[in-house]
Amino acid sequence: MNKIKIGILPLWLKLYDDCWSHVRPDVERFIETITDEYKKRGVEVVTSPICCLHPDFEEAIGSFEDAQVDAVITLHLAYSPSLESADVLAGTDLPIVILDTTQDLDFGFEQDASAIIFNHGIHGVQDMCNLLIRNKKQFMIEVGHWQESDVIDRTVALVQGCRAAKLFRASRVGILGEPFCGMGDFAIPFDILKREIGIEVISSDSEAIATLMPASASPEVVAEKEKDLAAFTKGECSDEALDNTEVAGLAVRSWVEQEELSAFTMNFGDIAGAPGLPVVPFLEASKAMARGIGYAGEGDVLTAAFCGALAKVVPETTFTEMFCPDWKGEKIFMSHMGEINIELTADTPILNQRPFPFTDAEEPVIASGGLKSGAAWLLNVAPGPDDTFSLVAAPVDVCNTDGGEKINSGVRGWIKPEMPIADFLKQYSLVGGTHHCVLCYGVDERLVEAFAKTMCWEFIVIN
C-alpha cells in the first residue's frame, strides 16, 4: 500500500501559556500519544510545534506544504480562537481533516475540575468549523475518543482518500492507439483532463511500442514465461501464442517504465499485428493492475487514471464493466475482453488462448479467472455538463460461485447490489454512470467520499 503522510497541527490558546504554563508538558505528551497512534498504523507523520497565534499557523502550514503531506490533521488540545487559524487553513490547498477528540474518556459527575483544561477542545472545533464554512474551505471531521473508539482509523481512511485524489491529479496515463470511435461517455478531450484534473496523457501506437519488444528467445522473455507458468495454470494455449503475448507485454512494460506512467489504456482495434505488436497485451494489463498500475480498456484515459490512483492506496482494485443483468437472480455479470487484476481471482488464473477476430493481430493469451467473493465498492467517475465530474459509488457483494458457473473461461464475475438490480441500473444511469468502472474490495466508504470531497466533486452513493 502506498504510505500516506499527514501533518499534525496542534491548536492551543496563548492565554493558557500565560496563566498556566505548567500544563504544557501534559499537552505535549498527548500530542506524542496521538502521533504514535498514527505511526502504529503505518502513517508517516510530520509534526508541528503547538500553534497559538496566526504566525504559528502560517509557519506550520508552510512546513506541511513543503513536506507535501497528503492532509493536515488538526488536534484541538483546548479551545483555540478561530481567527488565529481559519484564514491560514482556508488559504492552503492541503485537505483538512479534523480529529475531534480529548484526552479523557470519562467526564462525568466524578471528574475533577483540573481536567477541564485538557478536555474542552470541542468548542474550539465548533468555532473553527464555522469559520472554515464561511471561508468556503472544504474540510472533513471525525469525532470520538482517541483510544476507546475507531476515530483514528476513520481519519486514516479519510487521508487515504485524500492521498488517492492527490495521485489522481498527478496521473501520467499512456494511451496505445486512439480512443474507441463512438464511445462518448469517457470521450473527454485530453486538454480538459489536464486543465480540470491534472492528468498528463502520453500517446503512442502499436508500431512505436513494438520497437521495445525483446526477442522471443531472450533471457527476459524466457524468465517472464517461466514466472507465468509457475504462477498460473496453463490451459489451452500454444507456445507461439504465449511467446507473442510475453514479448508484447514486456514491450508495454518497458514503455510504462520509460514514461513513468501511473496507468495506461489501449484500443484493441488499433493493434493489428506486424509491424506493430503481434497481439493485444491483455495479460500485461492484468499483471500491471496487480502491481498498482492503473488500467482501462478502449482508450479510456479517465478511468485508467482513476484505477491507478486507487490501486496505489487500495491494492485490491480492478477495471471492469457491467455486462449482463441476471434479472432472476438479482445479480449483474461483470466482464471484459481479457483484463482482470490477477490478485483478485477466486482461483489460480488459467492461461488461455483467446479468439481474436477483430483485427489481423494473432490470438492473445489471457489470464482467465473469476472474481473472488467478498464485499466491494463499484466506483465510477462520471463526466457531467460544463466539464464537471461526479463520483458514483455503490456497495456490492461479489458473489461466491463455488466454481459452479457454466461460463468458466475468460474474465468474469457477478455482483449483487444492495437493491433490486432494476432499481440499481435505473439509478446508475440517471446519475450518469458510465460503462467503465473500477471495483475495489474492502474499501472504507470514508476513503471514497474523501476522494470526492478532495476533488470537489459530487459524491453519489447508490444503495
Protein backbone atom coordinates (compact mmCIF):
# COMPACT_ATOMS: atom_id res chain seq x y z
CA MET A 1 0.00 0.00 0.00
CA ASN A 2 1.25 3.49 -0.85
CA LYS A 3 2.20 5.08 2.51
CA ILE A 4 0.22 8.15 3.48
CA LYS A 5 1.75 11.25 5.08
CA ILE A 6 0.00 13.61 7.45
CA GLY A 7 0.82 16.86 9.18
CA ILE A 8 -0.47 17.06 12.76
CA LEU A 9 -1.49 20.61 13.66
CA PRO A 10 -1.94 21.08 17.44
CA LEU A 11 -4.08 24.09 18.44
CA TRP A 12 -3.80 25.85 21.82
CA LEU A 13 -4.64 29.17 23.45
CA LYS A 14 -1.79 31.56 24.28
CA LEU A 15 -3.71 32.76 27.34
CA TYR A 16 -3.18 29.34 28.90
CA ASP A 17 0.58 29.60 28.42
CA ASP A 18 0.49 32.99 30.08
CA CYS A 19 -1.54 31.79 33.06
CA TRP A 20 -0.83 28.08 33.42
CA SER A 21 2.44 27.31 31.69
CA HIS A 22 2.93 24.27 33.91
CA VAL A 23 0.35 22.27 31.91
CA ARG A 24 2.38 22.46 28.69
CA PRO A 25 4.29 19.19 29.28
CA ASP A 26 0.99 17.30 29.71
CA VAL A 27 -0.47 18.53 26.43
CA GLU A 28 2.81 17.88 24.61
CA ARG A 29 2.71 14.30 25.83
CA PHE A 30 -0.80 13.99 24.42
CA ILE A 31 0.46 15.13 21.02
CA GLU A 32 3.11 12.40 21.20
CA THR A 33 0.42 9.88 22.10
CA ILE A 34 -1.71 10.80 19.08
CA THR A 35 1.37 10.83 16.84
CA ASP A 36 2.25 7.32 17.98
CA GLU A 37 -1.28 6.11 17.23
CA TYR A 38 -0.86 7.17 13.60
CA LYS A 39 2.62 5.68 13.36
CA LYS A 40 1.26 2.35 14.62
CA ARG A 41 -1.00 2.38 11.56
CA GLY A 42 1.89 2.87 9.16
CA VAL A 43 1.28 6.58 8.66
CA GLU A 44 4.21 8.93 8.13
CA VAL A 45 3.80 11.90 10.46
CA VAL A 46 5.15 15.42 10.10
CA THR A 47 4.79 17.32 13.37
CA SER A 48 4.48 21.00 14.17
CA PRO A 49 5.09 22.93 17.36
CA ILE A 50 1.94 23.85 19.25
CA CYS A 51 0.22 26.73 17.45
CA CYS A 52 -1.43 29.62 19.29
CA LEU A 53 -1.13 32.73 17.13
CA HIS A 54 -1.55 33.49 13.44
CA PRO A 55 2.20 33.40 12.63
CA ASP A 56 2.45 29.97 14.29
CA PHE A 57 -0.22 28.61 11.95
CA GLU A 58 1.39 30.22 8.91
CA GLU A 59 4.72 28.58 9.73
CA ALA A 60 3.15 25.19 10.43
CA ILE A 61 1.07 25.07 7.23
CA GLY A 62 4.08 26.25 5.23
CA SER A 63 6.12 23.35 6.62
CA PHE A 64 3.36 20.89 5.75
CA GLU A 65 3.17 22.23 2.22
CA ASP A 66 6.94 21.91 1.86
CA ALA A 67 6.73 18.32 3.13
CA GLN A 68 3.92 17.62 0.64
CA VAL A 69 1.71 15.92 3.20
CA ASP A 70 -1.47 14.28 1.96
CA ALA A 71 -3.62 16.06 4.56
CA VAL A 72 -3.47 18.19 7.69
CA ILE A 73 -4.90 16.61 10.86
CA THR A 74 -6.00 19.30 13.30
CA LEU A 75 -5.94 18.48 17.01
CA HIS A 76 -7.56 20.90 19.44
CA LEU A 77 -5.68 20.48 22.69
CA ALA A 78 -8.06 23.01 24.25
CA TYR A 79 -10.03 25.97 23.00
CA SER A 80 -8.29 27.91 20.23
CA PRO A 81 -9.82 31.10 18.81
CA SER A 82 -10.64 30.56 15.15
CA LEU A 83 -9.41 33.91 13.81
CA GLU A 84 -5.86 32.83 14.61
CA SER A 85 -6.05 29.82 12.28
CA ALA A 86 -9.05 29.92 9.94
CA ASP A 87 -7.74 32.06 7.10
CA VAL A 88 -4.45 30.13 7.04
CA LEU A 89 -6.31 26.83 6.80
CA ALA A 90 -8.67 28.26 4.20
CA GLY A 91 -5.73 29.51 2.16
CA THR A 92 -3.93 26.20 1.74
CA ASP A 93 -4.68 23.65 -0.97
CA LEU A 94 -3.96 20.86 1.51
CA PRO A 95 -7.02 18.86 2.63
CA ILE A 96 -8.09 19.50 6.23
CA VAL A 97 -9.17 16.59 8.44
CA ILE A 98 -10.33 17.50 11.93
CA LEU A 99 -9.67 14.98 14.70
CA ASP A 100 -12.24 15.98 17.33
CA THR A 101 -11.10 14.16 20.46
CA THR A 102 -9.92 14.79 24.03
CA GLN A 103 -7.54 13.21 26.49
CA ASP A 104 -10.05 11.69 28.92
CA LEU A 105 -12.81 9.18 28.19
CA ASP A 106 -14.85 9.98 31.29
CA PHE A 107 -16.02 13.48 32.10
CA GLY A 108 -18.96 12.68 34.33
CA PHE A 109 -20.08 13.61 37.80
CA GLU A 110 -16.90 12.31 39.40
CA GLN A 111 -14.42 14.21 37.21
CA ASP A 112 -12.14 16.78 38.83
CA ALA A 113 -12.21 20.42 37.69
CA SER A 114 -8.47 20.31 36.97
CA ALA A 115 -9.22 18.10 33.96
CA ILE A 116 -11.27 20.78 32.18
CA ILE A 117 -8.24 22.38 30.59
CA PHE A 118 -7.31 19.11 28.86
CA ASN A 119 -10.79 18.26 27.60
CA HIS A 120 -12.58 21.33 26.31
CA GLY A 121 -11.32 21.50 22.73
CA ILE A 122 -14.71 20.66 21.25
CA HIS A 123 -15.92 24.24 21.29
CA GLY A 124 -12.72 25.32 19.60
CA VAL A 125 -13.57 22.81 16.87
CA GLN A 126 -17.02 24.36 16.56
CA ASP A 127 -15.59 27.87 16.34
CA MET A 128 -13.09 26.84 13.64
CA CYS A 129 -15.53 24.78 11.56
CA ASN A 130 -17.93 27.71 11.35
CA LEU A 131 -15.14 29.95 10.05
CA LEU A 132 -13.97 27.33 7.55
CA ILE A 133 -17.50 27.07 6.16
CA ARG A 134 -17.79 30.85 5.94
CA ASN A 135 -14.41 30.92 4.15
CA LYS A 136 -15.67 28.21 1.73
CA LYS A 137 -12.92 25.81 2.76
CA GLN A 138 -13.74 22.13 2.36
CA PHE A 139 -12.95 20.04 5.42
CA MET A 140 -13.64 16.61 6.87
CA ILE A 141 -14.19 15.71 10.50
CA GLU A 142 -14.31 12.57 12.64
CA VAL A 143 -15.30 12.58 16.30
CA GLY A 144 -14.70 10.22 19.19
CA HIS A 145 -12.33 9.26 21.97
CA TRP A 146 -8.88 8.53 20.55
CA GLN A 147 -8.49 5.28 22.50
CA GLU A 148 -11.98 3.92 23.06
CA SER A 149 -13.37 4.41 19.54
CA ASP A 150 -12.15 3.90 15.98
CA VAL A 151 -11.80 7.65 15.36
CA ILE A 152 -8.10 7.37 14.47
CA ASP A 153 -8.86 4.67 11.90
CA ARG A 154 -11.66 6.79 10.47
CA THR A 155 -9.33 9.72 9.94
CA VAL A 156 -6.77 7.41 8.34
CA ALA A 157 -9.41 6.31 5.83
CA LEU A 158 -10.13 9.95 5.02
CA VAL A 159 -6.45 10.68 4.45
CA GLN A 160 -6.18 7.62 2.20
CA GLY A 161 -8.92 9.17 0.07
CA CYS A 162 -7.01 12.45 0.02
CA ARG A 163 -3.88 10.54 -1.00
CA ALA A 164 -5.72 8.84 -3.86
CA ALA A 165 -7.02 12.19 -5.09
CA LYS A 166 -3.51 13.64 -4.95
CA LEU A 167 -2.20 10.72 -7.02
CA PHE A 168 -5.12 11.09 -9.42
CA ARG A 169 -4.24 14.71 -10.08
CA ALA A 170 -0.65 13.70 -10.76
CA SER A 171 -1.57 10.86 -13.14
CA ARG A 172 0.56 10.11 -16.18
CA VAL A 173 -1.55 7.92 -18.44
CA GLY A 174 -0.27 6.26 -21.57
CA ILE A 175 -2.69 5.59 -24.41
CA LEU A 176 -1.91 2.99 -27.05
CA GLY A 177 -3.81 3.98 -30.17
CA GLU A 178 -6.85 6.26 -30.18
CA PRO A 179 -9.99 6.15 -28.02
CA PHE A 180 -12.57 3.72 -29.37
CA CYS A 181 -14.53 5.55 -32.05
CA GLY A 182 -18.07 6.46 -30.97
CA MET A 183 -17.73 5.74 -27.22
CA GLY A 184 -18.90 9.05 -25.85
CA ASP A 185 -19.22 8.63 -22.09
CA PHE A 186 -15.48 8.80 -21.45
CA ALA A 187 -14.62 10.91 -24.51
CA ILE A 188 -13.14 13.88 -22.68
CA PRO A 189 -10.59 15.94 -24.65
CA PHE A 190 -7.13 15.49 -23.20
CA ASP A 191 -6.66 19.23 -22.68
CA ILE A 192 -9.76 19.29 -20.47
CA LEU A 193 -8.47 16.32 -18.44
CA LYS A 194 -5.26 18.27 -17.92
CA ARG A 195 -7.00 21.55 -17.06
CA GLU A 196 -9.72 20.20 -14.78
CA ILE A 197 -7.87 17.33 -13.10
CA GLY A 198 -4.18 17.47 -13.95
CA ILE A 199 -3.93 14.23 -15.94
CA GLU A 200 -0.99 14.07 -18.36
CA VAL A 201 -1.63 11.92 -21.44
CA ILE A 202 1.26 10.25 -23.24
CA SER A 203 0.22 8.93 -26.64
CA SER A 204 1.85 6.09 -28.52
CA ASP A 205 0.91 3.45 -31.06
CA SER A 206 1.42 -0.23 -31.70
CA GLU A 207 4.32 0.28 -34.10
CA ALA A 208 6.27 2.51 -31.69
CA ILE A 209 5.82 0.15 -28.76
CA ALA A 210 6.74 -2.84 -30.92
CA THR A 211 10.26 -1.40 -31.20
CA LEU A 212 10.63 -2.15 -27.47
CA MET A 213 9.87 -5.87 -27.89
CA PRO A 214 12.63 -8.27 -26.81
CA ALA A 215 13.38 -11.33 -28.91
CA SER A 216 11.21 -14.31 -28.01
CA ALA A 217 14.31 -16.38 -27.12
CA SER A 218 15.85 -13.65 -24.96
CA PRO A 219 16.54 -14.36 -21.27
CA GLU A 220 13.99 -11.68 -20.36
CA VAL A 221 11.18 -13.44 -22.22
CA VAL A 222 12.24 -16.89 -21.01
CA ALA A 223 12.24 -15.68 -17.41
CA GLU A 224 8.83 -14.00 -17.75
CA LYS A 225 7.38 -17.11 -19.35
CA GLU A 226 8.76 -19.34 -16.59
CA LYS A 227 7.38 -16.99 -13.97
CA ASP A 228 3.90 -17.04 -15.52
CA LEU A 229 3.86 -20.82 -15.96
CA ALA A 230 4.74 -21.13 -12.27
CA ALA A 231 2.18 -18.56 -11.10
CA PHE A 232 -0.73 -19.60 -13.37
CA THR A 233 -2.28 -22.81 -14.58
CA LYS A 234 -1.51 -23.49 -18.24
CA GLY A 235 -4.69 -24.08 -20.15
CA GLU A 236 -5.26 -24.28 -23.87
CA CYS A 237 -2.62 -22.03 -25.39
CA SER A 238 0.16 -22.67 -27.87
CA ASP A 239 3.80 -21.88 -27.17
CA GLU A 240 3.75 -19.43 -30.06
CA ALA A 241 0.74 -17.57 -28.65
CA LEU A 242 2.36 -17.37 -25.23
CA ASP A 243 5.63 -16.14 -26.73
CA ASN A 244 3.78 -13.44 -28.68
CA THR A 245 1.91 -12.43 -25.54
CA GLU A 246 5.08 -12.21 -23.45
CA VAL A 247 7.07 -10.11 -25.93
CA ALA A 248 4.13 -7.73 -26.44
CA GLY A 249 3.58 -7.46 -22.70
CA LEU A 250 7.22 -6.78 -21.92
CA ALA A 251 7.27 -4.06 -24.58
CA VAL A 252 4.31 -2.38 -22.90
CA ARG A 253 6.00 -2.76 -19.52
CA SER A 254 9.14 -1.07 -20.86
CA TRP A 255 7.00 1.76 -22.22
CA VAL A 256 5.28 2.18 -18.83
CA GLU A 257 8.63 2.26 -17.05
CA GLN A 258 10.36 4.57 -19.52
CA GLU A 259 7.49 7.09 -19.45
CA GLU A 260 6.96 6.68 -15.69
CA LEU A 261 3.27 6.02 -16.28
CA SER A 262 0.84 5.60 -13.40
CA ALA A 263 -1.70 3.98 -15.72
CA PHE A 264 -2.29 3.02 -19.32
CA THR A 265 -5.12 2.27 -21.67
CA MET A 266 -5.31 0.73 -25.13
CA ASN A 267 -7.72 0.35 -28.00
CA PHE A 268 -7.62 -3.27 -29.15
CA GLY A 269 -8.79 -2.14 -32.59
CA ASP A 270 -5.52 -0.25 -33.10
CA ILE A 271 -3.39 -3.37 -32.60
CA ALA A 272 -3.31 -5.26 -35.89
CA GLY A 273 -0.10 -7.28 -35.92
CA ALA A 274 3.17 -6.58 -37.73
CA PRO A 275 4.82 -4.13 -37.97
CA GLY A 276 3.18 -3.39 -34.64
CA LEU A 277 2.54 -5.62 -31.64
CA PRO A 278 1.70 -9.21 -32.62
CA VAL A 279 -1.12 -9.49 -30.05
CA VAL A 280 -3.17 -7.26 -27.77
CA PRO A 281 -1.31 -7.33 -24.42
CA PHE A 282 -4.28 -8.20 -22.21
CA LEU A 283 -2.10 -10.36 -19.95
CA GLU A 284 0.25 -7.47 -19.22
CA ALA A 285 -2.73 -5.25 -18.36
CA SER A 286 -3.84 -7.87 -15.82
CA LYS A 287 -0.37 -8.18 -14.32
CA ALA A 288 0.10 -4.40 -14.29
CA MET A 289 -3.02 -3.85 -12.19
CA ALA A 290 -1.63 -6.29 -9.64
CA ARG A 291 1.50 -4.10 -9.48
CA GLY A 292 -0.58 -0.96 -8.82
CA ILE A 293 -0.55 0.36 -12.40
CA GLY A 294 -3.97 1.63 -13.43
CA TYR A 295 -5.75 0.34 -16.50
CA ALA A 296 -8.91 0.78 -18.53
CA GLY A 297 -9.91 -0.53 -21.92
CA GLU A 298 -10.75 1.15 -25.23
CA GLY A 299 -8.58 4.21 -24.73
CA ASP A 300 -10.38 5.41 -21.58
CA VAL A 301 -7.76 7.69 -20.03
CA LEU A 302 -10.06 8.97 -17.28
CA THR A 303 -10.91 5.56 -15.81
CA ALA A 304 -7.34 4.33 -16.22
CA ALA A 305 -6.09 7.28 -14.15
CA PHE A 306 -8.78 6.66 -11.52
CA CYS A 307 -7.91 2.96 -11.36
CA GLY A 308 -4.22 3.74 -10.94
CA ALA A 309 -4.75 6.30 -8.17
CA LEU A 310 -6.98 3.95 -6.19
CA ALA A 311 -4.75 0.91 -6.75
CA LYS A 312 -1.84 2.61 -5.03
CA VAL A 313 -3.96 3.12 -1.91
CA VAL A 314 -6.31 0.12 -2.18
CA PRO A 315 -4.35 -2.70 -3.87
CA GLU A 316 -7.43 -4.89 -4.38
CA THR A 317 -8.65 -2.80 -7.32
CA THR A 318 -9.52 -3.82 -10.85
CA PHE A 319 -11.02 -2.40 -14.02
CA THR A 320 -14.34 -3.96 -15.03
CA GLU A 321 -17.67 -3.44 -16.82
CA MET A 322 -21.27 -4.35 -16.10
CA PHE A 323 -22.15 -6.72 -18.94
CA CYS A 324 -25.38 -8.66 -18.42
CA PRO A 325 -28.26 -8.42 -15.94
CA ASP A 326 -29.40 -11.54 -14.13
CA TRP A 327 -32.99 -10.47 -13.57
CA LYS A 328 -33.90 -13.75 -11.97
CA GLY A 329 -31.00 -13.95 -9.53
CA GLU A 330 -30.77 -10.18 -8.88
CA LYS A 331 -27.11 -10.13 -9.90
CA ILE A 332 -25.06 -8.40 -12.58
CA PHE A 333 -22.50 -10.24 -14.69
CA MET A 334 -19.15 -8.41 -14.83
CA SER A 335 -16.64 -8.99 -17.60
CA HIS A 336 -14.33 -7.55 -20.23
CA MET A 337 -12.31 -8.82 -23.14
CA GLY A 338 -9.37 -10.13 -21.16
CA GLU A 339 -8.27 -7.81 -18.33
CA ILE A 340 -8.52 -8.51 -14.61
CA ASN A 341 -6.29 -7.85 -11.61
CA ILE A 342 -4.73 -11.30 -11.26
CA GLU A 343 -4.60 -10.94 -7.47
CA LEU A 344 -8.40 -10.82 -7.29
CA THR A 345 -9.39 -14.14 -8.83
CA ALA A 346 -11.06 -16.81 -6.71
CA ASP A 347 -8.70 -19.48 -8.03
CA THR A 348 -5.34 -19.53 -9.76
CA PRO A 349 -5.81 -17.84 -13.14
CA ILE A 350 -5.62 -20.06 -16.21
CA LEU A 351 -3.57 -19.09 -19.25
CA ASN A 352 -5.98 -19.47 -22.15
CA GLN A 353 -5.63 -18.51 -25.79
CA ARG A 354 -8.42 -16.12 -26.72
CA PRO A 355 -10.07 -15.98 -30.16
CA PHE A 356 -9.46 -12.56 -31.69
CA PRO A 357 -11.47 -11.88 -34.87
CA PHE A 358 -11.34 -8.07 -34.64
CA THR A 359 -8.04 -7.24 -36.41
CA ASP A 360 -5.18 -9.09 -38.09
CA ALA A 361 -3.37 -9.47 -34.76
CA GLU A 362 -2.74 -13.02 -33.56
CA GLU A 363 -4.76 -14.67 -30.81
CA PRO A 364 -3.51 -13.47 -27.39
CA VAL A 365 -3.13 -15.41 -24.17
CA ILE A 366 -5.13 -14.00 -21.26
CA ALA A 367 -5.27 -14.73 -17.55
CA SER A 368 -8.68 -16.34 -17.32
CA GLY A 369 -10.44 -16.25 -13.97
CA GLY A 370 -13.47 -15.30 -11.92
CA LEU A 371 -13.56 -12.57 -9.29
CA LYS A 372 -13.22 -13.74 -5.70
CA SER A 373 -16.17 -13.29 -3.39
CA GLY A 374 -16.35 -10.51 -0.85
CA ALA A 375 -17.61 -7.04 -0.03
CA ALA A 376 -16.57 -4.38 -2.52
CA TRP A 377 -17.45 -0.99 -3.93
CA LEU A 378 -18.26 -0.37 -7.57
CA LEU A 379 -16.86 3.06 -8.41
CA ASN A 380 -17.24 5.29 -11.45
CA VAL A 381 -16.04 8.74 -12.48
CA ALA A 382 -18.99 10.25 -14.35
CA PRO A 383 -18.34 13.29 -16.56
CA GLY A 384 -21.09 15.90 -16.34
CA PRO A 385 -22.06 19.15 -18.03
CA ASP A 386 -19.64 22.08 -18.27
CA ASP A 387 -16.55 19.93 -17.65
CA THR A 388 -17.70 18.75 -14.24
CA PHE A 389 -17.35 15.28 -12.74
CA SER A 390 -19.14 13.16 -10.15
CA LEU A 391 -18.03 10.10 -8.24
CA VAL A 392 -20.71 7.42 -8.41
CA ALA A 393 -20.32 4.67 -5.82
CA ALA A 394 -22.24 1.56 -4.85
CA PRO A 395 -21.55 -1.04 -2.17
CA VAL A 396 -21.87 -4.51 -3.69
CA ASP A 397 -21.34 -8.12 -2.79
CA VAL A 398 -19.14 -10.07 -5.21
CA CYS A 399 -20.87 -13.42 -5.33
CA ASN A 400 -19.29 -16.74 -4.46
CA THR A 401 -19.89 -19.12 -7.37
CA ASP A 402 -18.04 -22.08 -5.80
CA GLY A 403 -16.75 -22.83 -9.26
CA GLY A 404 -20.22 -23.77 -10.42
CA GLU A 405 -20.64 -21.21 -13.20
CA LYS A 406 -21.15 -22.53 -16.72
CA ILE A 407 -19.17 -19.60 -18.10
CA ASN A 408 -15.88 -20.96 -16.79
CA SER A 409 -13.37 -19.21 -19.01
CA GLY A 410 -12.43 -15.62 -19.73
CA VAL A 411 -12.69 -12.71 -17.32
CA ARG A 412 -15.87 -12.82 -15.27
CA GLY A 413 -17.69 -12.25 -12.01
CA TRP A 414 -21.11 -11.45 -10.56
CA ILE A 415 -22.03 -8.62 -8.21
CA LYS A 416 -25.15 -8.12 -6.11
CA PRO A 417 -26.06 -4.51 -5.27
CA GLU A 418 -27.97 -3.58 -2.10
CA MET A 419 -31.24 -3.17 -4.03
CA PRO A 420 -33.09 -4.88 -6.87
CA ILE A 421 -30.94 -4.61 -9.97
CA ALA A 422 -33.73 -2.90 -11.93
CA ASP A 423 -33.69 -0.07 -9.40
CA PHE A 424 -29.91 -0.07 -9.24
CA LEU A 425 -29.43 0.12 -13.01
CA LYS A 426 -32.05 2.84 -13.26
CA GLN A 427 -30.40 4.97 -10.59
CA TYR A 428 -26.93 4.37 -12.02
CA SER A 429 -27.93 5.71 -15.42
CA LEU A 430 -29.99 8.57 -14.00
CA VAL A 431 -26.87 9.97 -12.35
CA GLY A 432 -24.76 9.48 -15.47
CA GLY A 433 -22.64 6.47 -14.50
CA THR A 434 -20.51 5.37 -17.46
CA HIS A 435 -19.96 1.86 -18.78
CA HIS A 436 -16.36 1.62 -17.50
CA CYS A 437 -15.98 1.01 -13.75
CA VAL A 438 -13.47 0.21 -11.06
CA LEU A 439 -14.14 -2.47 -8.45
CA CYS A 440 -12.42 -2.15 -5.05
CA TYR A 441 -12.52 -4.77 -2.33
CA GLY A 442 -12.51 -3.90 1.36
CA VAL A 443 -12.53 -0.17 0.86
CA ASP A 444 -13.92 2.17 3.51
CA GLU A 445 -16.73 4.44 2.30
CA ARG A 446 -14.97 7.34 4.05
CA LEU A 447 -11.98 6.88 1.74
CA VAL A 448 -14.21 7.10 -1.32
CA GLU A 449 -16.10 10.11 -0.02
CA ALA A 450 -12.86 11.85 0.94
CA PHE A 451 -11.59 11.32 -2.61
CA ALA A 452 -14.69 13.03 -3.98
CA LYS A 453 -14.50 15.88 -1.46
CA THR A 454 -10.83 16.47 -2.16
CA MET A 455 -11.63 16.64 -5.88
CA CYS A 456 -14.59 18.98 -5.08
CA TRP A 457 -16.92 16.56 -6.86
CA GLU A 458 -20.45 15.47 -6.07
CA PHE A 459 -20.43 12.13 -4.25
CA ILE A 460 -23.35 9.91 -5.23
CA VAL A 461 -23.95 6.64 -3.37
CA ILE A 462 -26.43 4.16 -4.82
CA ASN A 463 -27.69 1.90 -2.03
